[in-house]
């Protein structure tokens, strides 16, 4: 008879890096939906002027959707470490771009408060934390005759 592993039966749980990835994916999914289906709201808000000069609302919405999808795939397939690293790298690049745009606006406009770049800095923290929490035991070292790595 097979006995459960030490510590009881294994259960799928959302913790550590995957929990951070889930928060970011959900948030970016909401941003994607808003940018795609409510583009006028974003255009009417002066705080987003710098970002909308780079790309339009729909383009940003597609980028957020793609990153949210990558993060969801990384959560769904935690054993494929490169997928999680790719998703978190894309999230870091997107988050840092938005964070820097809000920092520039804050530094150049006396009417802007630090809440926006502060919240985007928190997202950057979650992305970096998720990268640091990834399970490095998932990396397989190829052996002679092992075709799958």
N, C-alpha and C. Protein backbone atom coordinates (compact mmCIF):
# COMPACT_ATOMS: atom_id res chain seq x y z
N UNK A 1 0.84 -1.18 0.00
CA UNK A 1 0.00 0.00 0.00
C UNK A 1 0.89 1.24 0.00
N UNK A 2 0.53 2.21 -0.85
CA UNK A 2 1.30 3.45 -0.91
C UNK A 2 0.87 4.37 0.21
N UNK A 3 1.83 4.90 0.89
CA UNK A 3 1.52 5.85 1.96
C UNK A 3 1.77 7.27 1.45
N UNK A 4 1.03 8.24 2.00
CA UNK A 4 1.24 9.62 1.56
C UNK A 4 2.63 10.09 1.95
N UNK A 5 3.16 11.06 1.23
CA UNK A 5 4.48 11.59 1.56
C UNK A 5 4.51 12.16 2.98
N UNK A 6 5.70 12.26 3.51
CA UNK A 6 5.86 12.83 4.86
C UNK A 6 5.19 14.19 4.91
N UNK A 7 4.45 14.43 5.96
CA UNK A 7 3.77 15.70 6.10
C UNK A 7 2.35 15.66 5.55
N UNK A 8 1.89 14.50 5.13
CA UNK A 8 0.52 14.38 4.63
C UNK A 8 0.47 14.39 3.12
N UNK A 9 -0.73 14.28 2.57
CA UNK A 9 -0.88 14.25 1.11
C UNK A 9 -0.50 15.57 0.48
N UNK A 10 -0.02 15.49 -0.76
CA UNK A 10 0.35 16.70 -1.48
C UNK A 10 -0.91 17.38 -1.99
N UNK A 11 -0.98 18.66 -1.82
CA UNK A 11 -2.11 19.44 -2.32
C UNK A 11 -1.57 20.57 -3.19
N UNK A 12 -2.31 20.83 -4.24
CA UNK A 12 -1.94 21.97 -5.07
C UNK A 12 -2.29 23.24 -4.28
N UNK A 13 -1.36 24.14 -4.20
CA UNK A 13 -1.63 25.38 -3.49
C UNK A 13 -0.98 26.53 -4.22
N UNK A 14 -1.55 27.66 -4.01
CA UNK A 14 -1.06 28.87 -4.64
C UNK A 14 -0.32 29.66 -3.57
N UNK A 15 0.99 29.55 -3.58
CA UNK A 15 1.80 30.23 -2.57
C UNK A 15 3.11 30.68 -3.21
N UNK A 16 3.83 31.51 -2.50
CA UNK A 16 5.14 31.95 -2.95
C UNK A 16 5.09 32.70 -4.26
N UNK A 17 5.96 32.31 -5.18
CA UNK A 17 6.06 32.98 -6.48
C UNK A 17 4.73 32.93 -7.22
N UNK A 18 4.06 31.78 -7.17
CA UNK A 18 2.80 31.64 -7.90
C UNK A 18 1.72 32.58 -7.35
N UNK A 19 1.71 32.82 -6.05
CA UNK A 19 0.73 33.74 -5.47
C UNK A 19 0.98 35.16 -5.97
N UNK A 20 2.25 35.58 -6.00
CA UNK A 20 2.58 36.91 -6.53
C UNK A 20 2.21 37.01 -8.00
N UNK A 21 2.49 35.95 -8.75
CA UNK A 21 2.17 35.94 -10.17
C UNK A 21 0.65 36.03 -10.38
N UNK A 22 -0.13 35.39 -9.52
CA UNK A 22 -1.59 35.44 -9.64
C UNK A 22 -2.12 36.85 -9.40
N UNK A 23 -1.57 37.55 -8.40
CA UNK A 23 -1.99 38.93 -8.12
C UNK A 23 -1.67 39.82 -9.31
N UNK A 24 -0.47 39.70 -9.84
CA UNK A 24 -0.06 40.53 -10.97
C UNK A 24 -0.89 40.19 -12.20
N UNK A 25 -1.10 38.89 -12.48
CA UNK A 25 -1.88 38.48 -13.65
C UNK A 25 -3.31 39.01 -13.57
N UNK A 26 -3.93 38.90 -12.41
CA UNK A 26 -5.30 39.39 -12.25
C UNK A 26 -5.36 40.91 -12.46
N UNK A 27 -4.41 41.62 -11.88
CA UNK A 27 -4.37 43.07 -12.01
C UNK A 27 -4.14 43.47 -13.47
N UNK A 28 -3.20 42.82 -14.12
CA UNK A 28 -2.90 43.16 -15.52
C UNK A 28 -4.04 42.74 -16.44
N UNK A 29 -4.77 41.69 -16.08
CA UNK A 29 -5.95 41.32 -16.85
C UNK A 29 -7.02 42.41 -16.77
N UNK A 30 -7.18 42.99 -15.58
CA UNK A 30 -8.14 44.09 -15.41
C UNK A 30 -7.68 45.31 -16.20
N UNK A 31 -6.38 45.63 -16.15
CA UNK A 31 -5.87 46.75 -16.94
C UNK A 31 -6.10 46.50 -18.43
N UNK A 32 -5.84 45.28 -18.88
CA UNK A 32 -6.03 44.94 -20.29
C UNK A 32 -7.47 45.14 -20.71
N UNK A 33 -8.41 44.64 -19.92
CA UNK A 33 -9.82 44.78 -20.26
C UNK A 33 -10.23 46.26 -20.30
N UNK A 34 -9.75 47.02 -19.33
CA UNK A 34 -10.08 48.44 -19.28
C UNK A 34 -9.50 49.19 -20.47
N UNK A 35 -8.25 48.92 -20.81
CA UNK A 35 -7.61 49.59 -21.95
C UNK A 35 -8.27 49.20 -23.27
N UNK A 36 -8.71 47.96 -23.39
CA UNK A 36 -9.33 47.50 -24.63
C UNK A 36 -10.78 47.93 -24.77
N UNK A 37 -11.53 47.94 -23.66
CA UNK A 37 -12.96 48.18 -23.75
C UNK A 37 -13.41 49.55 -23.24
N UNK A 38 -12.51 50.29 -22.59
CA UNK A 38 -12.82 51.64 -22.13
C UNK A 38 -11.67 52.60 -22.47
N UNK A 39 -11.26 52.64 -23.72
CA UNK A 39 -10.08 53.45 -24.07
C UNK A 39 -10.27 54.94 -23.82
N UNK A 40 -11.49 55.44 -23.89
CA UNK A 40 -11.73 56.88 -23.69
C UNK A 40 -11.39 57.31 -22.27
N UNK A 41 -11.60 56.44 -21.30
CA UNK A 41 -11.25 56.79 -19.91
C UNK A 41 -9.76 57.07 -19.78
N UNK A 42 -8.95 56.25 -20.44
CA UNK A 42 -7.50 56.42 -20.34
C UNK A 42 -7.06 57.68 -21.07
N UNK A 43 -7.67 57.95 -22.21
CA UNK A 43 -7.31 59.15 -22.98
C UNK A 43 -7.71 60.42 -22.25
N UNK A 44 -8.75 60.37 -21.43
CA UNK A 44 -9.24 61.55 -20.73
C UNK A 44 -8.46 61.84 -19.44
N UNK A 45 -7.52 60.97 -19.07
CA UNK A 45 -6.77 61.14 -17.84
C UNK A 45 -5.37 61.66 -18.16
N UNK A 46 -5.04 62.89 -17.73
CA UNK A 46 -3.73 63.47 -18.06
C UNK A 46 -2.53 62.64 -17.58
N UNK A 47 -2.70 61.88 -16.52
CA UNK A 47 -1.58 61.11 -15.98
C UNK A 47 -1.05 60.07 -16.98
N UNK A 48 -1.87 59.69 -17.94
CA UNK A 48 -1.45 58.65 -18.88
C UNK A 48 -0.93 59.22 -20.20
N UNK A 49 -0.81 60.53 -20.28
CA UNK A 49 -0.38 61.18 -21.52
C UNK A 49 0.97 60.67 -22.00
N UNK A 50 1.94 60.54 -21.11
CA UNK A 50 3.28 60.06 -21.50
C UNK A 50 3.21 58.65 -22.09
N UNK A 51 2.42 57.81 -21.46
CA UNK A 51 2.32 56.42 -21.91
C UNK A 51 1.57 56.30 -23.23
N UNK A 52 0.52 57.10 -23.39
CA UNK A 52 -0.27 57.04 -24.61
C UNK A 52 0.45 57.69 -25.79
N UNK A 53 1.51 58.47 -25.50
CA UNK A 53 2.35 59.00 -26.57
C UNK A 53 3.23 57.90 -27.16
N UNK A 54 3.52 56.89 -26.35
CA UNK A 54 4.34 55.76 -26.81
C UNK A 54 3.51 54.81 -27.65
N UNK A 55 2.35 54.41 -27.12
CA UNK A 55 1.43 53.50 -27.81
C UNK A 55 0.01 53.89 -27.42
N UNK A 56 -0.94 53.54 -28.27
CA UNK A 56 -2.34 53.81 -27.99
C UNK A 56 -2.90 52.86 -26.95
N UNK A 57 -4.13 53.15 -26.51
CA UNK A 57 -4.76 52.36 -25.47
C UNK A 57 -4.91 50.89 -25.86
N UNK A 58 -5.34 50.64 -27.10
CA UNK A 58 -5.54 49.25 -27.52
C UNK A 58 -4.23 48.47 -27.56
N UNK A 59 -3.17 49.12 -28.01
CA UNK A 59 -1.86 48.45 -28.04
C UNK A 59 -1.40 48.11 -26.62
N UNK A 60 -1.55 49.07 -25.70
CA UNK A 60 -1.19 48.79 -24.30
C UNK A 60 -2.06 47.66 -23.75
N UNK A 61 -3.35 47.68 -24.10
CA UNK A 61 -4.25 46.64 -23.63
C UNK A 61 -3.81 45.26 -24.10
N UNK A 62 -3.37 45.16 -25.34
CA UNK A 62 -2.88 43.87 -25.86
C UNK A 62 -1.60 43.44 -25.14
N UNK A 63 -0.73 44.40 -24.84
CA UNK A 63 0.50 44.07 -24.11
C UNK A 63 0.16 43.56 -22.71
N UNK A 64 -0.74 44.25 -22.02
CA UNK A 64 -1.14 43.79 -20.69
C UNK A 64 -1.80 42.41 -20.76
N UNK A 65 -2.62 42.18 -21.78
CA UNK A 65 -3.27 40.88 -21.94
C UNK A 65 -2.23 39.78 -22.19
N UNK A 66 -1.24 40.07 -23.02
CA UNK A 66 -0.20 39.08 -23.30
C UNK A 66 0.60 38.74 -22.05
N UNK A 67 0.97 39.75 -21.28
CA UNK A 67 1.73 39.52 -20.04
C UNK A 67 0.87 38.75 -19.03
N UNK A 68 -0.40 39.12 -18.90
CA UNK A 68 -1.30 38.40 -17.99
C UNK A 68 -1.42 36.94 -18.43
N UNK A 69 -1.50 36.70 -19.73
CA UNK A 69 -1.57 35.34 -20.24
C UNK A 69 -0.31 34.54 -19.96
N UNK A 70 0.84 35.17 -20.14
CA UNK A 70 2.11 34.50 -19.82
C UNK A 70 2.19 34.16 -18.34
N UNK A 71 1.78 35.09 -17.49
CA UNK A 71 1.80 34.83 -16.05
C UNK A 71 0.84 33.69 -15.70
N UNK A 72 -0.35 33.69 -16.30
CA UNK A 72 -1.31 32.60 -16.05
C UNK A 72 -0.74 31.26 -16.50
N UNK A 73 -0.05 31.25 -17.64
CA UNK A 73 0.57 30.01 -18.12
C UNK A 73 1.66 29.55 -17.16
N UNK A 74 2.43 30.50 -16.63
CA UNK A 74 3.46 30.15 -15.66
C UNK A 74 2.89 29.59 -14.37
N UNK A 75 1.71 30.08 -13.97
CA UNK A 75 1.04 29.55 -12.78
C UNK A 75 0.51 28.15 -13.06
N UNK A 76 -0.07 27.99 -14.24
CA UNK A 76 -0.69 26.72 -14.63
C UNK A 76 0.35 25.62 -14.79
N UNK A 77 1.53 25.98 -15.28
CA UNK A 77 2.61 25.00 -15.52
C UNK A 77 3.86 25.38 -14.72
N UNK A 78 3.81 25.23 -13.40
CA UNK A 78 4.94 25.67 -12.58
C UNK A 78 6.22 24.86 -12.81
N UNK A 79 6.11 23.68 -13.38
CA UNK A 79 7.31 22.86 -13.62
C UNK A 79 8.14 23.34 -14.79
N UNK A 80 7.59 24.23 -15.60
CA UNK A 80 8.33 24.77 -16.74
C UNK A 80 8.90 26.12 -16.32
N UNK A 81 10.05 26.06 -15.70
CA UNK A 81 10.63 27.25 -15.09
C UNK A 81 10.90 28.37 -16.08
N UNK A 82 11.35 28.03 -17.28
CA UNK A 82 11.66 29.07 -18.25
C UNK A 82 10.42 29.88 -18.61
N UNK A 83 9.25 29.27 -18.56
CA UNK A 83 8.01 29.98 -18.84
C UNK A 83 7.73 31.02 -17.75
N UNK A 84 7.94 30.64 -16.50
CA UNK A 84 7.77 31.59 -15.39
C UNK A 84 8.77 32.73 -15.48
N UNK A 85 10.02 32.41 -15.81
CA UNK A 85 11.05 33.44 -15.94
C UNK A 85 10.70 34.39 -17.08
N UNK A 86 10.26 33.84 -18.21
CA UNK A 86 9.86 34.68 -19.35
C UNK A 86 8.69 35.59 -18.97
N UNK A 87 7.68 35.03 -18.31
CA UNK A 87 6.51 35.80 -17.91
C UNK A 87 6.89 36.92 -16.94
N UNK A 88 7.71 36.60 -15.96
CA UNK A 88 8.10 37.60 -14.96
C UNK A 88 9.03 38.66 -15.55
N UNK A 89 9.86 38.28 -16.52
CA UNK A 89 10.71 39.25 -17.20
C UNK A 89 9.86 40.23 -18.00
N UNK A 90 8.87 39.70 -18.72
CA UNK A 90 7.96 40.58 -19.48
C UNK A 90 7.19 41.48 -18.53
N UNK A 91 6.73 40.94 -17.40
CA UNK A 91 6.01 41.74 -16.42
C UNK A 91 6.90 42.83 -15.84
N UNK A 92 8.16 42.49 -15.58
CA UNK A 92 9.09 43.48 -15.04
C UNK A 92 9.32 44.62 -16.04
N UNK A 93 9.49 44.27 -17.31
CA UNK A 93 9.72 45.31 -18.33
C UNK A 93 8.50 46.23 -18.46
N UNK A 94 7.31 45.64 -18.50
CA UNK A 94 6.09 46.43 -18.61
C UNK A 94 5.88 47.31 -17.37
N UNK A 95 6.04 46.72 -16.21
CA UNK A 95 5.83 47.44 -14.95
C UNK A 95 6.83 48.59 -14.80
N UNK A 96 8.07 48.33 -15.11
CA UNK A 96 9.10 49.36 -14.98
C UNK A 96 8.86 50.50 -15.97
N UNK A 97 8.40 50.17 -17.18
CA UNK A 97 8.08 51.22 -18.15
C UNK A 97 7.01 52.15 -17.61
N UNK A 98 5.93 51.57 -17.08
CA UNK A 98 4.86 52.40 -16.54
C UNK A 98 5.32 53.15 -15.29
N UNK A 99 6.09 52.50 -14.44
CA UNK A 99 6.59 53.15 -13.23
C UNK A 99 7.45 54.36 -13.59
N UNK A 100 8.35 54.20 -14.54
CA UNK A 100 9.23 55.31 -14.94
C UNK A 100 8.43 56.45 -15.59
N UNK A 101 7.42 56.11 -16.37
CA UNK A 101 6.59 57.16 -16.98
C UNK A 101 5.90 58.00 -15.91
N UNK A 102 5.42 57.33 -14.85
CA UNK A 102 4.76 58.08 -13.78
C UNK A 102 5.77 58.86 -12.95
N UNK A 103 6.99 58.34 -12.80
CA UNK A 103 8.03 59.11 -12.10
C UNK A 103 8.39 60.37 -12.87
N UNK A 104 8.51 60.24 -14.19
CA UNK A 104 8.81 61.41 -15.03
C UNK A 104 7.70 62.44 -14.89
N UNK A 105 6.47 61.99 -14.95
CA UNK A 105 5.34 62.93 -14.80
C UNK A 105 5.37 63.61 -13.43
N UNK A 106 5.65 62.85 -12.38
CA UNK A 106 5.69 63.41 -11.03
C UNK A 106 6.81 64.45 -10.90
N UNK A 107 7.96 64.15 -11.50
CA UNK A 107 9.09 65.07 -11.42
C UNK A 107 8.89 66.33 -12.27
N UNK A 108 8.05 66.25 -13.30
CA UNK A 108 7.90 67.38 -14.21
C UNK A 108 6.59 68.14 -14.04
N UNK A 109 5.72 67.68 -13.16
CA UNK A 109 4.43 68.35 -12.98
C UNK A 109 4.17 68.59 -11.50
N UNK A 110 3.93 69.83 -11.16
CA UNK A 110 3.66 70.17 -9.76
C UNK A 110 2.28 69.71 -9.31
N UNK A 111 1.42 69.34 -10.25
CA UNK A 111 0.06 68.92 -9.93
C UNK A 111 -0.07 67.40 -9.73
N UNK A 112 1.02 66.69 -9.78
CA UNK A 112 0.97 65.22 -9.69
C UNK A 112 1.44 64.75 -8.32
N UNK A 113 0.78 63.75 -7.81
CA UNK A 113 1.14 63.16 -6.52
C UNK A 113 1.89 61.85 -6.74
N UNK A 114 2.59 61.36 -5.73
CA UNK A 114 3.42 60.16 -5.92
C UNK A 114 2.67 58.83 -5.84
N UNK A 115 1.36 58.84 -5.67
CA UNK A 115 0.64 57.58 -5.50
C UNK A 115 0.78 56.64 -6.69
N UNK A 116 0.76 57.19 -7.91
CA UNK A 116 0.80 56.30 -9.08
C UNK A 116 2.14 55.59 -9.20
N UNK A 117 3.25 56.36 -9.12
CA UNK A 117 4.52 55.66 -9.25
C UNK A 117 4.79 54.80 -8.02
N UNK A 118 4.23 55.18 -6.88
CA UNK A 118 4.39 54.35 -5.69
C UNK A 118 3.70 53.01 -5.85
N UNK A 119 2.50 53.01 -6.42
CA UNK A 119 1.79 51.74 -6.61
C UNK A 119 2.47 50.89 -7.67
N UNK A 120 2.99 51.51 -8.73
CA UNK A 120 3.71 50.73 -9.74
C UNK A 120 5.02 50.19 -9.19
N UNK A 121 5.62 50.89 -8.25
CA UNK A 121 6.83 50.36 -7.59
C UNK A 121 6.49 49.12 -6.78
N UNK A 122 5.30 49.09 -6.18
CA UNK A 122 4.86 47.89 -5.45
C UNK A 122 4.71 46.72 -6.42
N UNK A 123 4.15 46.97 -7.60
CA UNK A 123 4.06 45.89 -8.61
C UNK A 123 5.46 45.39 -8.98
N UNK A 124 6.40 46.32 -9.16
CA UNK A 124 7.77 45.90 -9.47
C UNK A 124 8.34 45.04 -8.34
N UNK A 125 8.07 45.42 -7.11
CA UNK A 125 8.51 44.63 -5.96
C UNK A 125 7.93 43.22 -6.02
N UNK A 126 6.63 43.10 -6.33
CA UNK A 126 6.00 41.78 -6.42
C UNK A 126 6.63 40.92 -7.52
N UNK A 127 6.94 41.56 -8.65
CA UNK A 127 7.58 40.82 -9.75
C UNK A 127 8.96 40.33 -9.33
N UNK A 128 9.76 41.21 -8.75
CA UNK A 128 11.11 40.82 -8.31
C UNK A 128 11.02 39.75 -7.24
N UNK A 129 10.09 39.91 -6.31
CA UNK A 129 9.91 38.91 -5.24
C UNK A 129 9.53 37.55 -5.83
N UNK A 130 8.65 37.55 -6.82
CA UNK A 130 8.26 36.30 -7.46
C UNK A 130 9.46 35.64 -8.13
N UNK A 131 10.28 36.45 -8.80
CA UNK A 131 11.49 35.89 -9.43
C UNK A 131 12.41 35.25 -8.40
N UNK A 132 12.56 35.91 -7.26
CA UNK A 132 13.44 35.38 -6.22
C UNK A 132 12.85 34.15 -5.53
N UNK A 133 11.52 34.01 -5.56
CA UNK A 133 10.87 32.87 -4.91
C UNK A 133 10.70 31.66 -5.81
N UNK A 134 11.06 31.80 -7.10
CA UNK A 134 10.92 30.65 -8.00
C UNK A 134 11.72 29.47 -7.47
N UNK A 135 11.18 28.30 -7.64
CA UNK A 135 11.82 27.08 -7.17
C UNK A 135 12.95 26.69 -8.11
N UNK A 136 14.16 26.85 -7.65
CA UNK A 136 15.31 26.53 -8.49
C UNK A 136 15.56 25.03 -8.59
N UNK A 137 14.83 24.23 -7.82
CA UNK A 137 14.95 22.79 -7.93
C UNK A 137 14.29 22.27 -9.21
N UNK A 138 13.54 23.11 -9.90
CA UNK A 138 12.90 22.71 -11.15
C UNK A 138 13.91 22.57 -12.29
N UNK A 139 15.09 23.14 -12.12
CA UNK A 139 16.09 23.08 -13.18
C UNK A 139 16.67 21.67 -13.23
N UNK A 140 16.59 21.06 -14.42
CA UNK A 140 17.11 19.70 -14.57
C UNK A 140 18.49 19.76 -15.19
N UNK A 141 19.39 18.95 -14.65
CA UNK A 141 20.74 18.87 -15.19
C UNK A 141 20.78 17.66 -16.12
N UNK A 142 21.04 17.88 -17.43
CA UNK A 142 21.04 16.76 -18.36
C UNK A 142 22.15 15.75 -18.04
N UNK A 143 21.82 14.51 -18.19
CA UNK A 143 22.80 13.43 -18.02
C UNK A 143 22.99 12.72 -19.35
N UNK A 144 24.05 11.97 -19.47
CA UNK A 144 24.27 11.20 -20.69
C UNK A 144 23.07 10.32 -20.97
N UNK A 145 22.57 10.39 -22.20
CA UNK A 145 21.44 9.57 -22.60
C UNK A 145 20.09 10.17 -22.26
N UNK A 146 20.06 11.29 -21.56
CA UNK A 146 18.80 11.94 -21.20
C UNK A 146 18.47 12.95 -22.30
N UNK A 147 17.53 12.60 -23.16
CA UNK A 147 17.21 13.45 -24.30
C UNK A 147 16.32 14.63 -23.94
N UNK A 148 15.66 14.58 -22.80
CA UNK A 148 14.71 15.62 -22.46
C UNK A 148 15.27 16.65 -21.48
N UNK A 149 16.52 16.57 -21.13
CA UNK A 149 17.13 17.56 -20.25
C UNK A 149 16.71 17.37 -18.87
